Amino acid sequence: MVVETDGDDLGWLMTTYAVSGDGAEATPIAVIAGESDAVRTLTSWLRTTAGPMVWKRVRPGLYGSGAYVVGHLDTGEWFAEGPGVDQAFDDKAQAQRACDAARAGTHI
């Protein structure tokens, strides 16, 4: 995360980067800008995006967390769906980790 502020109090800009597994490459994935309190905005954003995903059971075999859904397929596999992920996995934990990685802007 990089936070830039204007020296004359005219505004601020926050850029979030996804860093590759080996740390060799950083790709910008989100930009937020404004003129109000940057610290309050950053704190709110971190609470929303950096916290752990909380999974709630919608019904047996189907779980949701925000924009993400993990469910059990008739084949025995688990699917993960949401922004940045649409895939089947061997188990529920793998599917949930894929959703967490997609939410963070990284890929596993």
PDB file of N, CA and C in Angstrom:
ATOM      1  N   MET A   1       0.857  -1.169   0.000  1.00  0.00           N
ATOM      2  CA  MET A   1       0.000   0.000   0.000  1.00  0.00           C
ATOM      3  C   MET A   1       0.899   1.226   0.000  1.00  0.00           C
ATOM      4  N   VAL A   2       0.620   2.132  -0.894  1.00  0.00           N
ATOM      5  CA  VAL A   2       1.338   3.400  -0.941  1.00  0.00           C
ATOM      6  C   VAL A   2       0.308   4.506  -0.755  1.00  0.00           C
ATOM      7  N   VAL A   3       0.577   5.420   0.177  1.00  0.00           N
ATOM      8  CA  VAL A   3      -0.300   6.574   0.401  1.00  0.00           C
ATOM      9  C   VAL A   3       0.501   7.814   0.061  1.00  0.00           C
ATOM     10  N   GLU A   4      -0.012   8.601  -0.877  1.00  0.00           N
ATOM     11  CA  GLU A   4       0.628   9.841  -1.275  1.00  0.00           C
ATOM     12  C   GLU A   4      -0.274  11.003  -0.879  1.00  0.00           C
ATOM     13  N   THR A   5       0.306  12.054  -0.330  1.00  0.00           N
ATOM     14  CA  THR A   5      -0.474  13.240   0.015  1.00  0.00           C
ATOM     15  C   THR A   5       0.131  14.450  -0.666  1.00  0.00           C
ATOM     16  N   ASP A   6      -0.707  15.403  -0.982  1.00  0.00           N
ATOM     17  CA  ASP A   6      -0.266  16.643  -1.583  1.00  0.00           C
ATOM     18  C   ASP A   6       0.276  17.532  -0.474  1.00  0.00           C
ATOM     19  N   GLY A   7       1.391  18.170  -0.707  1.00  0.00           N
ATOM     20  CA  GLY A   7       2.004  19.040   0.294  1.00  0.00           C
ATOM     21  C   GLY A   7       1.142  20.220   0.687  1.00  0.00           C
ATOM     22  N   ASP A   8       0.207  20.622  -0.142  1.00  0.00           N
ATOM     23  CA  ASP A   8      -0.645  21.777   0.131  1.00  0.00           C
ATOM     24  C   ASP A   8      -2.008  21.380   0.668  1.00  0.00           C
ATOM     25  N   ASP A   9      -2.157  20.144   1.144  1.00  0.00           N
ATOM     26  CA  ASP A   9      -3.436  19.640   1.669  1.00  0.00           C
ATOM     27  C   ASP A   9      -4.551  19.659   0.631  1.00  0.00           C
ATOM     28  N   LEU A  10      -4.211  19.446  -0.632  1.00  0.00           N
ATOM     29  CA  LEU A  10      -5.229  19.453  -1.675  1.00  0.00           C
ATOM     30  C   LEU A  10      -5.849  18.081  -1.885  1.00  0.00           C
ATOM     31  N   GLY A  11      -5.247  17.034  -1.350  1.00  0.00           N
ATOM     32  CA  GLY A  11      -5.826  15.717  -1.537  1.00  0.00           C
ATOM     33  C   GLY A  11      -4.835  14.614  -1.259  1.00  0.00           C
ATOM     34  N   TRP A  12      -5.300  13.397  -1.485  1.00  0.00           N
ATOM     35  CA  TRP A  12      -4.474  12.216  -1.238  1.00  0.00           C
ATOM     36  C   TRP A  12      -4.829  11.133  -2.247  1.00  0.00           C
ATOM     37  N   LEU A  13      -3.953  10.162  -2.373  1.00  0.00           N
ATOM     38  CA  LEU A  13      -4.123   9.059  -3.303  1.00  0.00           C
ATOM     39  C   LEU A  13      -3.540   7.809  -2.649  1.00  0.00           C
ATOM     40  N   MET A  14      -4.324   6.720  -2.606  1.00  0.00           N
ATOM     41  CA  MET A  14      -3.852   5.444  -2.076  1.00  0.00           C
ATOM     42  C   MET A  14      -3.839   4.439  -3.206  1.00  0.00           C
ATOM     43  N   THR A  15      -2.742   3.735  -3.347  1.00  0.00           N
ATOM     44  CA  THR A  15      -2.628   2.690  -4.353  1.00  0.00           C
ATOM     45  C   THR A  15      -2.306   1.382  -3.649  1.00  0.00           C
ATOM     46  N   THR A  16      -3.062   0.340  -3.954  1.00  0.00           N
ATOM     47  CA  THR A  16      -2.822  -0.989  -3.392  1.00  0.00           C
ATOM     48  C   THR A  16      -2.165  -1.836  -4.463  1.00  0.00           C
ATOM     49  N   TYR A  17      -1.140  -2.574  -4.062  1.00  0.00           N
ATOM     50  CA  TYR A  17      -0.401  -3.417  -4.988  1.00  0.00           C
ATOM     51  C   TYR A  17      -0.509  -4.881  -4.578  1.00  0.00           C
ATOM     52  N   ALA A  18      -0.586  -5.780  -5.561  1.00  0.00           N
ATOM     53  CA  ALA A  18      -0.454  -7.222  -5.332  1.00  0.00           C
ATOM     54  C   ALA A  18       1.006  -7.547  -5.623  1.00  0.00           C
ATOM     55  N   VAL A  19       1.663  -8.184  -4.670  1.00  0.00           N
ATOM     56  CA  VAL A  19       3.077  -8.510  -4.809  1.00  0.00           C
ATOM     57  C   VAL A  19       3.192  -9.989  -5.153  1.00  0.00           C
ATOM     58  N   SER A  20       4.001 -10.308  -6.146  1.00  0.00           N
ATOM     59  CA  SER A  20       4.175 -11.698  -6.559  1.00  0.00           C
ATOM     60  C   SER A  20       4.764 -12.510  -5.409  1.00  0.00           C
ATOM     61  N   GLY A  21       4.588 -13.825  -5.469  1.00  0.00           N
ATOM     62  CA  GLY A  21       5.051 -14.715  -4.410  1.00  0.00           C
ATOM     63  C   GLY A  21       6.528 -14.563  -4.098  1.00  0.00           C
ATOM     64  N   ASP A  22       7.357 -14.256  -5.103  1.00  0.00           N
ATOM     65  CA  ASP A  22       8.788 -14.111  -4.850  1.00  0.00           C
ATOM     66  C   ASP A  22       9.169 -12.658  -4.561  1.00  0.00           C
ATOM     67  N   GLY A  23       8.192 -11.767  -4.556  1.00  0.00           N
ATOM     68  CA  GLY A  23       8.439 -10.362  -4.230  1.00  0.00           C
ATOM     69  C   GLY A  23       9.097  -9.575  -5.343  1.00  0.00           C
ATOM     70  N   ALA A  24       9.222 -10.168  -6.525  1.00  0.00           N
ATOM     71  CA  ALA A  24       9.929  -9.516  -7.619  1.00  0.00           C
ATOM     72  C   ALA A  24       9.073  -8.509  -8.373  1.00  0.00           C
ATOM     73  N   GLU A  25       7.752  -8.639  -8.277  1.00  0.00           N
ATOM     74  CA  GLU A  25       6.883  -7.781  -9.078  1.00  0.00           C
ATOM     75  C   GLU A  25       5.693  -7.301  -8.256  1.00  0.00           C
ATOM     76  N   ALA A  26       5.373  -6.023  -8.376  1.00  0.00           N
ATOM     77  CA  ALA A  26       4.199  -5.446  -7.707  1.00  0.00           C
ATOM     78  C   ALA A  26       3.288  -4.857  -8.786  1.00  0.00           C
ATOM     79  N   THR A  27       2.024  -5.273  -8.764  1.00  0.00           N
ATOM     80  CA  THR A  27       1.053  -4.823  -9.753  1.00  0.00           C
ATOM     81  C   THR A  27      -0.024  -4.003  -9.059  1.00  0.00           C
ATOM     82  N   PRO A  28      -0.272  -2.755  -9.508  1.00  0.00           N
ATOM     83  CA  PRO A  28      -1.349  -1.978  -8.886  1.00  0.00           C
ATOM     84  C   PRO A  28      -2.704  -2.625  -9.157  1.00  0.00           C
ATOM     85  N   ILE A  29      -3.517  -2.775  -8.092  1.00  0.00           N
ATOM     86  CA  ILE A  29      -4.818  -3.419  -8.263  1.00  0.00           C
ATOM     87  C   ILE A  29      -5.985  -2.525  -7.852  1.00  0.00           C
ATOM     88  N   ALA A  30      -5.730  -1.470  -7.087  1.00  0.00           N
ATOM     89  CA  ALA A  30      -6.821  -0.575  -6.682  1.00  0.00           C
ATOM     90  C   ALA A  30      -6.252   0.801  -6.361  1.00  0.00           C
ATOM     91  N   VAL A  31      -7.013   1.828  -6.706  1.00  0.00           N
ATOM     92  CA  VAL A  31      -6.629   3.200  -6.400  1.00  0.00           C
ATOM     93  C   VAL A  31      -7.829   3.903  -5.787  1.00  0.00           C
ATOM     94  N   ILE A  32      -7.587   4.603  -4.690  1.00  0.00           N
ATOM     95  CA  ILE A  32      -8.628   5.397  -4.036  1.00  0.00           C
ATOM     96  C   ILE A  32      -8.049   6.800  -3.868  1.00  0.00           C
ATOM     97  N   ALA A  33      -8.838   7.830  -4.162  1.00  0.00           N
ATOM     98  CA  ALA A  33      -8.372   9.206  -4.024  1.00  0.00           C
ATOM     99  C   ALA A  33      -9.463  10.040  -3.383  1.00  0.00           C
ATOM    100  N   GLY A  34      -9.077  11.155  -2.783  1.00  0.00           N
ATOM    101  CA  GLY A  34     -10.063  12.038  -2.186  1.00  0.00           C
ATOM    102  C   GLY A  34      -9.451  13.280  -1.601  1.00  0.00           C
ATOM    103  N   GLU A  35     -10.307  14.095  -1.035  1.00  0.00           N
ATOM    104  CA  GLU A  35      -9.864  15.335  -0.411  1.00  0.00           C
ATOM    105  C   GLU A  35     -10.111  15.339   1.085  1.00  0.00           C
ATOM    106  N   SER A  36     -10.893  14.359   1.588  1.00  0.00           N
ATOM    107  CA  SER A  36     -11.216  14.325   3.012  1.00  0.00           C
ATOM    108  C   SER A  36     -10.106  13.610   3.782  1.00  0.00           C
ATOM    109  N   ASP A  37     -10.390  13.181   4.974  1.00  0.00           N
ATOM    110  CA  ASP A  37      -9.429  12.565   5.871  1.00  0.00           C
ATOM    111  C   ASP A  37      -8.911  11.230   5.334  1.00  0.00           C
ATOM    112  N   ALA A  38      -7.676  11.201   4.863  1.00  0.00           N
ATOM    113  CA  ALA A  38      -7.090   9.991   4.286  1.00  0.00           C
ATOM    114  C   ALA A  38      -6.934   8.895   5.326  1.00  0.00           C
ATOM    115  N   VAL A  39      -6.612   9.246   6.557  1.00  0.00           N
ATOM    116  CA  VAL A  39      -6.415   8.236   7.605  1.00  0.00           C
ATOM    117  C   VAL A  39      -7.721   7.501   7.889  1.00  0.00           C
ATOM    118  N   ARG A  40      -8.815   8.221   7.996  1.00  0.00           N
ATOM    119  CA  ARG A  40     -10.116   7.591   8.248  1.00  0.00           C
ATOM    120  C   ARG A  40     -10.507   6.683   7.080  1.00  0.00           C
ATOM    121  N   THR A  41     -10.291   7.125   5.859  1.00  0.00           N
ATOM    122  CA  THR A  41     -10.605   6.324   4.682  1.00  0.00           C
ATOM    123  C   THR A  41      -9.747   5.072   4.641  1.00  0.00           C
ATOM    124  N   LEU A  42      -8.452   5.199   4.914  1.00  0.00           N
ATOM    125  CA  LEU A  42      -7.551   4.054   4.927  1.00  0.00           C
ATOM    126  C   LEU A  42      -7.955   3.048   6.002  1.00  0.00           C
ATOM    127  N   THR A  43      -8.271   3.524   7.188  1.00  0.00           N
ATOM    128  CA  THR A  43      -8.686   2.649   8.277  1.00  0.00           C
ATOM    129  C   THR A  43      -9.941   1.872   7.912  1.00  0.00           C
ATOM    130  N   SER A  44     -10.909   2.554   7.344  1.00  0.00           N
ATOM    131  CA  SER A  44     -12.146   1.896   6.933  1.00  0.00           C
ATOM    132  C   SER A  44     -11.876   0.865   5.847  1.00  0.00           C
ATOM    133  N   TRP A  45     -11.066   1.227   4.871  1.00  0.00           N
ATOM    134  CA  TRP A  45     -10.744   0.307   3.789  1.00  0.00           C
ATOM    135  C   TRP A  45     -10.026  -0.937   4.313  1.00  0.00           C
ATOM    136  N   LEU A  46      -9.069  -0.756   5.211  1.00  0.00           N
ATOM    137  CA  LEU A  46      -8.341  -1.897   5.771  1.00  0.00           C
ATOM    138  C   LEU A  46      -9.264  -2.815   6.567  1.00  0.00           C
ATOM    139  N   ARG A  47     -10.171  -2.245   7.332  1.00  0.00           N
ATOM    140  CA  ARG A  47     -11.127  -3.072   8.078  1.00  0.00           C
ATOM    141  C   ARG A  47     -11.977  -3.921   7.140  1.00  0.00           C
ATOM    142  N   THR A  48     -12.348  -3.333   6.008  1.00  0.00           N
ATOM    143  CA  THR A  48     -13.207  -4.021   5.061  1.00  0.00           C
ATOM    144  C   THR A  48     -12.457  -5.095   4.280  1.00  0.00           C
ATOM    145  N   THR A  49     -11.261  -4.784   3.802  1.00  0.00           N
ATOM    146  CA  THR A  49     -10.572  -5.686   2.881  1.00  0.00           C
ATOM    147  C   THR A  49      -9.487  -6.541   3.512  1.00  0.00           C
ATOM    148  N   ALA A  50      -8.883  -6.093   4.582  1.00  0.00           N
ATOM    149  CA  ALA A  50      -7.742  -6.827   5.135  1.00  0.00           C
ATOM    150  C   ALA A  50      -8.145  -7.825   6.215  1.00  0.00           C
ATOM    151  N   GLY A  51      -9.345  -7.712   6.697  1.00  0.00           N
ATOM    152  CA  GLY A  51      -9.786  -8.636   7.734  1.00  0.00           C
ATOM    153  C   GLY A  51     -10.047 -10.017   7.175  1.00  0.00           C
ATOM    154  N   PRO A  52     -10.124 -10.992   8.044  1.00  0.00           N
ATOM    155  CA  PRO A  52     -10.385 -12.353   7.576  1.00  0.00           C
ATOM    156  C   PRO A  52     -11.790 -12.468   6.994  1.00  0.00           C
ATOM    157  N   MET A  53     -11.939 -13.368   6.037  1.00  0.00           N
ATOM    158  CA  MET A  53     -13.261 -13.632   5.482  1.00  0.00           C
ATOM    159  C   MET A  53     -14.050 -14.430   6.508  1.00  0.00           C
ATOM    160  N   VAL A  54     -15.291 -14.072   6.692  1.00  0.00           N
ATOM    161  CA  VAL A  54     -16.173 -14.791   7.605  1.00  0.00           C
ATOM    162  C   VAL A  54     -17.193 -15.532   6.756  1.00  0.00           C
ATOM    163  N   TRP A  55     -17.174 -16.850   6.848  1.00  0.00           N
ATOM    164  CA  TRP A  55     -18.065 -17.686   6.050  1.00  0.00           C
ATOM    165  C   TRP A  55     -19.314 -18.027   6.831  1.00  0.00           C
ATOM    166  N   LYS A  56     -20.445 -17.829   6.222  1.00  0.00           N
ATOM    167  CA  LYS A  56     -21.733 -18.183   6.840  1.00  0.00           C
ATOM    168  C   LYS A  56     -22.389 -19.270   5.997  1.00  0.00           C
ATOM    169  N   ARG A  57     -22.941 -20.262   6.658  1.00  0.00           N
ATOM    170  CA  ARG A  57     -23.624 -21.339   5.942  1.00  0.00           C
ATOM    171  C   ARG A  57     -24.988 -20.852   5.477  1.00  0.00           C
ATOM    172  N   VAL A  58     -25.199 -20.867   4.169  1.00  0.00           N
ATOM    173  CA  VAL A  58     -26.469 -20.478   3.576  1.00  0.00           C
ATOM    174  C   VAL A  58     -27.452 -21.639   3.714  1.00  0.00           C
ATOM    175  N   ARG A  59     -26.943 -22.817   3.422  1.00  0.00           N
ATOM    176  CA  ARG A  59     -27.671 -24.087   3.594  1.00  0.00           C
ATOM    177  C   ARG A  59     -26.596 -25.169   3.576  1.00  0.00           C
ATOM    178  N   PRO A  60     -26.911 -26.385   3.945  1.00  0.00           N
ATOM    179  CA  PRO A  60     -25.884 -27.426   3.936  1.00  0.00           C
ATOM    180  C   PRO A  60     -25.192 -27.532   2.574  1.00  0.00           C
ATOM    181  N   GLY A  61     -23.873 -27.435   2.584  1.00  0.00           N
ATOM    182  CA  GLY A  61     -23.103 -27.542   1.353  1.00  0.00           C
ATOM    183  C   GLY A  61     -22.929 -26.248   0.590  1.00  0.00           C
ATOM    184  N   LEU A  62     -23.414 -25.105   1.121  1.00  0.00           N
ATOM    185  CA  LEU A  62     -23.278 -23.811   0.451  1.00  0.00           C
ATOM    186  C   LEU A  62     -22.943 -22.743   1.490  1.00  0.00           C
ATOM    187  N   TYR A  63     -21.823 -22.042   1.251  1.00  0.00           N
ATOM    188  CA  TYR A  63     -21.335 -21.035   2.191  1.00  0.00           C
ATOM    189  C   TYR A  63     -21.074 -19.737   1.453  1.00  0.00           C
ATOM    190  N   GLY A  64     -21.301 -18.613   2.117  1.00  0.00           N
ATOM    191  CA  GLY A  64     -21.085 -17.318   1.503  1.00  0.00           C
ATOM    192  C   GLY A  64     -20.285 -16.391   2.394  1.00  0.00           C
ATOM    193  N   SER A  65     -19.512 -15.516   1.758  1.00  0.00           N
ATOM    194  CA  SER A  65     -18.770 -14.468   2.453  1.00  0.00           C
ATOM    195  C   SER A  65     -18.702 -13.272   1.515  1.00  0.00           C
ATOM    196  N   GLY A  66     -19.525 -12.274   1.777  1.00  0.00           N
ATOM    197  CA  GLY A  66     -19.572 -11.106   0.906  1.00  0.00           C
ATOM    198  C   GLY A  66     -19.995 -11.494  -0.497  1.00  0.00           C
ATOM    199  N   ALA A  67     -19.156 -11.155  -1.486  1.00  0.00           N
ATOM    200  CA  ALA A  67     -19.459 -11.445  -2.887  1.00  0.00           C
ATOM    201  C   ALA A  67     -19.039 -12.852  -3.304  1.00  0.00           C
ATOM    202  N   TYR A  68     -18.557 -13.650  -2.358  1.00  0.00           N
ATOM    203  CA  TYR A  68     -18.020 -14.977  -2.680  1.00  0.00           C
ATOM    204  C   TYR A  68     -18.919 -16.090  -2.171  1.00  0.00           C
ATOM    205  N   VAL A  69     -18.957 -17.192  -2.947  1.00  0.00           N
ATOM    206  CA  VAL A  69     -19.756 -18.360  -2.603  1.00  0.00           C
ATOM    207  C   VAL A  69     -18.892 -19.603  -2.801  1.00  0.00           C
ATOM    208  N   VAL A  70     -18.983 -20.523  -1.848  1.00  0.00           N
ATOM    209  CA  VAL A  70     -18.308 -21.817  -1.930  1.00  0.00           C
ATOM    210  C   VAL A  70     -19.377 -22.884  -1.740  1.00  0.00           C
ATOM    211  N   GLY A  71     -19.388 -23.892  -2.616  1.00  0.00           N
ATOM    212  CA  GLY A  71     -20.423 -24.915  -2.513  1.00  0.00           C
ATOM    213  C   GLY A  71     -19.924 -26.293  -2.896  1.00  0.00           C
ATOM    214  N   HIS A  72     -20.631 -27.292  -2.394  1.00  0.00           N
ATOM    215  CA  HIS A  72     -20.297 -28.693  -2.646  1.00  0.00           C
ATOM    216  C   HIS A  72     -21.030 -29.170  -3.899  1.00  0.00           C
ATOM    217  N   LEU A  73     -20.296 -29.784  -4.809  1.00  0.00           N
ATOM    218  CA  LEU A  73     -20.863 -30.293  -6.054  1.00  0.00           C
ATOM    219  C   LEU A  73     -21.209 -31.772  -5.910  1.00  0.00           C
ATOM    220  N   ASP A  74     -22.097 -32.262  -6.749  1.00  0.00           N
ATOM    221  CA  ASP A  74     -22.472 -33.679  -6.752  1.00  0.00           C
ATOM    222  C   ASP A  74     -21.287 -34.593  -7.046  1.00  0.00           C
ATOM    223  N   THR A  75     -20.252 -34.041  -7.688  1.00  0.00           N
ATOM    224  CA  THR A  75     -19.058 -34.825  -8.030  1.00  0.00           C
ATOM    225  C   THR A  75     -18.131 -35.024  -6.838  1.00  0.00           C
ATOM    226  N   GLY A  76     -18.420 -34.345  -5.730  1.00  0.00           N
ATOM    227  CA  GLY A  76     -17.560 -34.410  -4.551  1.00  0.00           C
ATOM    228  C   GLY A  76     -16.605 -33.240  -4.467  1.00  0.00           C
ATOM    229  N   GLU A  77     -16.462 -32.482  -5.544  1.00  0.00           N
ATOM    230  CA  GLU A  77     -15.601 -31.308  -5.537  1.00  0.00           C
ATOM    231  C   GLU A  77     -16.327 -30.126  -4.897  1.00  0.00           C
ATOM    232  N   TRP A  78     -15.576 -29.075  -4.623  1.00  0.00           N
ATOM    233  CA  TRP A  78     -16.122 -27.821  -4.102  1.00  0.00           C
ATOM    234  C   TRP A  78     -15.848 -26.729  -5.123  1.00  0.00           C
ATOM    235  N   PHE A  79     -16.827 -25.868  -5.363  1.00  0.00           N
ATOM    236  CA  PHE A  79     -16.624 -24.753  -6.284  1.00  0.00           C
ATOM    237  C   PHE A  79     -16.450 -23.467  -5.499  1.00  0.00           C
ATOM    238  N   ALA A  80     -15.750 -22.536  -6.123  1.00  0.00           N
ATOM    239  CA  ALA A  80     -15.576 -21.185  -5.578  1.00  0.00           C
ATOM    240  C   ALA A  80     -15.986 -20.213  -6.670  1.00  0.00           C
ATOM    241  N   GLU A  81     -16.861 -19.272  -6.330  1.00  0.00           N
ATOM    242  CA  GLU A  81     -17.318 -18.269  -7.290  1.00  0.00           C
ATOM    243  C   GLU A  81     -17.307 -16.895  -6.644  1.00  0.00           C
ATOM    244  N   GLY A  82     -16.942 -15.916  -7.438  1.00  0.00           N
ATOM    245  CA  GLY A  82     -16.944 -14.531  -6.993  1.00  0.00           C
ATOM    246  C   GLY A  82     -15.985 -13.737  -7.859  1.00  0.00           C
ATOM    247  N   PRO A  83     -15.815 -12.449  -7.578  1.00  0.00           N
ATOM    248  CA  PRO A  83     -14.909 -11.621  -8.377  1.00  0.00           C
ATOM    249  C   PRO A  83     -13.492 -12.206  -8.374  1.00  0.00           C
ATOM    250  N   GLY A  84     -13.006 -12.592  -9.545  1.00  0.00           N
ATOM    251  CA  GLY A  84     -11.650 -13.105  -9.681  1.00  0.00           C
ATOM    252  C   GLY A  84     -11.486 -14.596  -9.486  1.00  0.00           C
ATOM    253  N   VAL A  85     -12.577 -15.325  -9.211  1.00  0.00           N
ATOM    254  CA  VAL A  85     -12.470 -16.775  -9.029  1.00  0.00           C
ATOM    255  C   VAL A  85     -13.743 -17.463  -9.517  1.00  0.00           C
ATOM    256  N   ASP A  86     -13.556 -18.545 -10.265  1.00  0.00           N
ATOM    257  CA  ASP A  86     -14.655 -19.393 -10.739  1.00  0.00           C
ATOM    258  C   ASP A  86     -14.010 -20.728 -11.082  1.00  0.00           C
ATOM    259  N   GLN A  87     -13.928 -21.614 -10.084  1.00  0.00           N
ATOM    260  CA  GLN A  87     -13.136 -22.815 -10.242  1.00  0.00           C
ATOM    261  C   GLN A  87     -13.621 -23.903  -9.291  1.00  0.00           C
ATOM    262  N   ALA A  88     -13.283 -25.146  -9.588  1.00  0.00           N
ATOM    263  CA  ALA A  88     -13.589 -26.274  -8.705  1.00  0.00           C
ATOM    264  C   ALA A  88     -12.314 -26.718  -7.988  1.00  0.00           C
ATOM    265  N   PHE A  89     -12.479 -27.214  -6.756  1.00  0.00           N
ATOM    266  CA  PHE A  89     -11.351 -27.630  -5.920  1.00  0.00           C
ATOM    267  C   PHE A  89     -11.664 -28.970  -5.266  1.00  0.00           C
ATOM    268  N   ASP A  90     -10.622 -29.609  -4.750  1.00  0.00           N
ATOM    269  CA  ASP A  90     -10.798 -30.905  -4.097  1.00  0.00           C
ATOM    270  C   ASP A  90     -11.523 -30.808  -2.759  1.00  0.00           C
ATOM    271  N   ASP A  91     -11.336 -29.685  -2.055  1.00  0.00           N
ATOM    272  CA  ASP A  91     -11.995 -29.571  -0.759  1.00  0.00           C
ATOM    273  C   ASP A  91     -12.419 -28.130  -0.484  1.00  0.00           C
ATOM    274  N   LYS A  92     -13.234 -27.973   0.555  1.00  0.00           N
ATOM    275  CA  LYS A  92     -13.811 -26.670   0.900  1.00  0.00           C
ATOM    276  C   LYS A  92     -12.731 -25.666   1.283  1.00  0.00           C
ATOM    277  N   ALA A  93     -11.723 -26.112   2.027  1.00  0.00           N
ATOM    278  CA  ALA A  93     -10.668 -25.194   2.474  1.00  0.00           C
ATOM    279  C   ALA A  93      -9.930 -24.589   1.279  1.00  0.00           C
ATOM    280  N   GLN A  94      -9.646 -25.390   0.259  1.00  0.00           N
ATOM    281  CA  GLN A  94      -8.981 -24.865  -0.937  1.00  0.00           C
ATOM    282  C   GLN A  94      -9.861 -23.840  -1.637  1.00  0.00           C
ATOM    283  N   ALA A  95     -11.138 -24.111  -1.729  1.00  0.00           N
ATOM    284  CA  ALA A  95     -12.064 -23.188  -2.377  1.00  0.00           C
ATOM    285  C   ALA A  95     -12.130 -21.864  -1.608  1.00  0.00           C
ATOM    286  N   GLN A  96     -12.167 -21.940  -0.280  1.00  0.00           N
ATOM    287  CA  GLN A  96     -12.212 -20.725   0.533  1.00  0.00           C
ATOM    288  C   GLN A  96     -10.911 -19.939   0.423  1.00  0.00           C
ATOM    289  N   ARG A  97      -9.778 -20.624   0.382  1.00  0.00           N
ATOM    290  CA  ARG A  97      -8.492 -19.934   0.211  1.00  0.00           C
ATOM    291  C   ARG A  97      -8.428 -19.234  -1.141  1.00  0.00           C
ATOM    292  N   ALA A  98      -8.983 -19.849  -2.177  1.00  0.00           N
ATOM    293  CA  ALA A  98      -9.002 -19.227  -3.500  1.00  0.00           C
ATOM    294  C   ALA A  98      -9.829 -17.941  -3.484  1.00  0.00           C
ATOM    295  N   CYS A  99     -10.948 -17.958  -2.769  1.00  0.00           N
ATOM    296  CA  CYS A  99     -11.772 -16.744  -2.638  1.00  0.00           C
ATOM    297  C   CYS A  99     -11.009 -15.661  -1.890  1.00  0.00           C
ATOM    298  N   ASP A 100     -10.315 -16.040  -0.828  1.00  0.00           N
ATOM    299  CA  ASP A 100      -9.537 -15.073  -0.051  1.00  0.00           C
ATOM    300  C   ASP A 100      -8.439 -14.471  -0.909  1.00  0.00           C
ATOM    301  N   ALA A 101      -7.762 -15.304  -1.700  1.00  0.00           N
ATOM    302  CA  ALA A 101      -6.709 -14.802  -2.586  1.00  0.00           C
ATOM    303  C   ALA A 101      -7.279 -13.876  -3.656  1.00  0.00           C
ATOM    304  N   ALA A 102      -8.433 -14.231  -4.221  1.00  0.00           N
ATOM    305  CA  ALA A 102      -9.063 -13.385  -5.230  1.00  0.00           C
ATOM    306  C   ALA A 102      -9.462 -12.035  -4.643  1.00  0.00           C
ATOM    307  N   ARG A 103      -9.980 -12.065  -3.422  1.00  0.00           N
ATOM    308  CA  ARG A 103     -10.374 -10.815  -2.766  1.00  0.00           C
ATOM    309  C   ARG A 103      -9.168  -9.934  -2.524  1.00  0.00           C
ATOM    310  N   ALA A 104      -8.024 -10.550  -2.205  1.00  0.00           N
ATOM    311  CA  ALA A 104      -6.794  -9.788  -1.942  1.00  0.00           C
ATOM    312  C   ALA A 104      -6.086  -9.376  -3.220  1.00  0.00           C
ATOM    313  N   GLY A 105      -6.558  -9.908  -4.375  1.00  0.00           N
ATOM    314  CA  GLY A 105      -5.926  -9.546  -5.642  1.00  0.00           C
ATOM    315  C   GLY A 105      -4.736 -10.408  -5.980  1.00  0.00           C
ATOM    316  N   THR A 106      -4.556 -11.520  -5.297  1.00  0.00           N
ATOM    317  CA  THR A 106      -3.471 -12.441  -5.589  1.00  0.00           C
ATOM    318  C   THR A 106      -4.066 -13.724  -6.112  1.00  0.00           C
ATOM    319  N   HIS A 107      -3.266 -14.597  -6.637  1.00  0.00           N
ATOM    320  CA  HIS A 107      -3.752 -15.876  -7.163  1.00  0.00           C
ATOM    321  C   HIS A 107      -2.934 -16.999  -6.556  1.00  0.00           C
ATOM    322  N   ILE A 108      -3.612 -18.107  -6.240  1.00  0.00           N
ATOM    323  CA  ILE A 108      -2.901 -19.255  -5.687  1.00  0.00           C
ATOM    324  C   ILE A 108      -2.860 -20.367  -6.707  1.00  0.00           C
TER     325      ILE A 108
END
